């Protein structure tokens, strides 16, 4: 994401970047971002029109029908037939909110374990910690 790259260039921490960008998305506004970013970018509505033809409609119907058939023909018990999506901070919303398998999905559980390790308290104290003890 370009905004994230720009904020790293401005030497913001990853944690700060995540908070600021999450807030910007939540508010659908860049007003909460640093002035250097706000002055460089803007948001505006965009309308994209597509030509809809019978051929395109039939192509979409065929795609949907084929996809459903492929899913129905898979063995639910055979994990090798189900390739998991790579879960990261950008697509974890689906897994954490929308997916009905979030409580049993080993891939989602693995993602949670890895991401929660980033915020665990460290066991050792370092020189900086000793200054304030």
Protein backbone atom coordinates (compact mmCIF):
# COMPACT_ATOMS: atom_id res chain seq x y z
CA UNK A 1 0.00 0.00 0.00
CA UNK A 2 1.40 3.36 -1.05
CA UNK A 3 0.29 5.25 2.09
CA UNK A 4 1.99 2.68 4.29
CA UNK A 5 5.23 3.02 2.32
CA UNK A 6 5.07 6.82 2.57
CA UNK A 7 4.56 6.68 6.34
CA UNK A 8 7.53 4.32 6.72
CA UNK A 9 9.60 6.87 4.80
CA UNK A 10 8.46 9.45 7.36
CA UNK A 11 9.78 7.02 10.03
CA UNK A 12 6.48 6.07 11.65
CA UNK A 13 6.45 2.77 13.57
CA UNK A 14 4.52 -0.15 12.08
CA UNK A 15 2.17 -0.04 15.05
CA UNK A 16 1.44 3.67 14.51
CA UNK A 17 0.94 3.11 10.78
CA UNK A 18 -1.55 0.31 11.42
CA UNK A 19 -3.51 2.42 13.91
CA UNK A 20 -3.61 5.47 11.66
CA UNK A 21 -4.58 3.54 8.53
CA UNK A 22 -7.22 1.50 10.36
CA UNK A 23 -8.72 4.73 11.67
CA UNK A 24 -8.63 6.30 8.19
CA UNK A 25 -10.47 3.31 6.73
CA UNK A 26 -12.98 3.29 9.58
CA UNK A 27 -13.74 7.00 9.12
CA UNK A 28 -13.39 6.86 5.31
CA UNK A 29 -11.23 9.94 5.59
CA UNK A 30 -7.54 10.84 5.52
CA UNK A 31 -7.98 13.68 8.00
CA UNK A 32 -6.42 11.61 10.79
CA UNK A 33 -3.21 11.02 8.81
CA UNK A 34 -0.07 13.16 9.09
CA UNK A 35 -0.06 16.49 7.22
CA UNK A 36 2.65 15.27 4.82
CA UNK A 37 0.26 12.53 3.67
CA UNK A 38 -2.91 14.65 3.68
CA UNK A 39 -1.25 17.27 1.50
CA UNK A 40 -0.14 14.70 -1.05
CA UNK A 41 -3.31 12.57 -1.44
CA UNK A 42 -7.06 13.05 -1.67
CA UNK A 43 -10.20 10.94 -1.71
CA UNK A 44 -12.99 11.27 -4.21
CA UNK A 45 -15.94 9.21 -5.32
CA UNK A 46 -15.45 7.09 -8.38
CA UNK A 47 -18.07 5.55 -10.62
CA UNK A 48 -17.07 2.85 -13.07
CA UNK A 49 -19.50 1.83 -15.77
CA UNK A 50 -19.33 -1.57 -17.45
CA UNK A 51 -20.96 -2.68 -20.63
CA UNK A 52 -23.33 -5.52 -19.79
CA UNK A 53 -24.10 -7.90 -22.63
CA UNK A 54 -25.85 -11.26 -22.78
CA UNK A 55 -22.46 -12.83 -23.52
CA UNK A 56 -20.92 -11.39 -20.34
CA UNK A 57 -23.95 -12.40 -18.27
CA UNK A 58 -23.74 -15.98 -19.58
CA UNK A 59 -19.97 -16.02 -18.98
CA UNK A 60 -20.58 -15.01 -15.34
CA UNK A 61 -23.31 -17.63 -14.91
CA UNK A 62 -20.99 -20.32 -16.33
CA UNK A 63 -18.18 -19.23 -14.02
CA UNK A 64 -20.43 -19.39 -10.96
CA UNK A 65 -21.90 -22.76 -11.97
CA UNK A 66 -18.43 -24.24 -12.65
CA UNK A 67 -17.08 -22.93 -9.34
CA UNK A 68 -19.98 -24.42 -7.38
CA UNK A 69 -19.52 -27.78 -9.13
CA UNK A 70 -15.78 -27.79 -8.33
CA UNK A 71 -16.53 -27.08 -4.66
CA UNK A 72 -19.26 -29.72 -4.47
CA UNK A 73 -16.94 -32.33 -6.02
CA UNK A 74 -14.25 -31.85 -3.38
CA UNK A 75 -13.95 -34.21 -0.47
CA UNK A 76 -14.66 -32.27 2.73
CA UNK A 77 -12.43 -34.58 4.74
CA UNK A 78 -9.39 -34.37 2.43
CA UNK A 79 -7.35 -31.30 3.42
CA UNK A 80 -5.13 -31.60 0.36
CA UNK A 81 -8.06 -30.57 -1.82
CA UNK A 82 -8.58 -27.33 0.10
CA UNK A 83 -5.75 -24.85 -0.33
CA UNK A 84 -5.89 -22.22 2.42
CA UNK A 85 -5.64 -18.53 1.64
CA UNK A 86 -2.58 -16.78 3.10
CA UNK A 87 -3.91 -14.94 6.14
CA UNK A 88 -2.36 -11.57 6.92
CA UNK A 89 -3.45 -8.27 8.42
CA UNK A 90 -5.14 -7.24 5.16
CA UNK A 91 -7.50 -10.19 4.73
CA UNK A 92 -7.93 -11.40 8.30
CA UNK A 93 -11.33 -9.65 8.54
CA UNK A 94 -12.91 -12.41 6.48
CA UNK A 95 -11.42 -15.11 8.68
CA UNK A 96 -12.17 -13.40 11.99
CA UNK A 97 -15.70 -12.20 11.21
CA UNK A 98 -17.29 -13.75 8.13
CA UNK A 99 -15.98 -17.31 7.95
CA UNK A 100 -18.08 -19.92 9.72
CA UNK A 101 -15.01 -22.12 10.35
CA UNK A 102 -12.98 -19.59 12.36
CA UNK A 103 -13.31 -21.58 15.58
CA UNK A 104 -12.01 -24.81 14.04
CA UNK A 105 -9.69 -23.62 11.23
CA UNK A 106 -6.12 -24.62 12.03
CA UNK A 107 -4.76 -21.99 9.61
CA UNK A 108 -6.64 -19.19 11.36
CA UNK A 109 -5.54 -20.47 14.77
CA UNK A 110 -1.94 -20.52 13.53
CA UNK A 111 -2.30 -16.91 12.31
CA UNK A 112 -3.69 -15.84 15.71
CA UNK A 113 -0.82 -17.53 17.56
CA UNK A 114 1.79 -15.88 15.33
CA UNK A 115 0.22 -12.42 15.48
CA UNK A 116 -0.37 -12.48 19.25
CA UNK A 117 3.34 -13.21 19.82
CA UNK A 118 4.16 -9.72 18.52
CA UNK A 119 2.47 -8.11 21.52
CA UNK A 120 3.47 -10.48 24.31
CA UNK A 121 5.50 -9.02 27.12
CA UNK A 122 9.14 -9.90 26.86
CA UNK A 123 10.71 -12.02 29.58
CA UNK A 124 14.08 -10.31 29.69
CA UNK A 125 14.74 -6.78 30.73
CA UNK A 126 17.12 -4.69 28.70
CA UNK A 127 19.24 -1.67 29.50
CA UNK A 128 16.40 0.72 28.74
CA UNK A 129 14.14 -1.06 31.27
CA UNK A 130 16.76 -0.67 33.99
CA UNK A 131 16.80 3.11 33.58
CA UNK A 132 13.23 3.36 34.88
CA UNK A 133 13.33 0.69 37.58
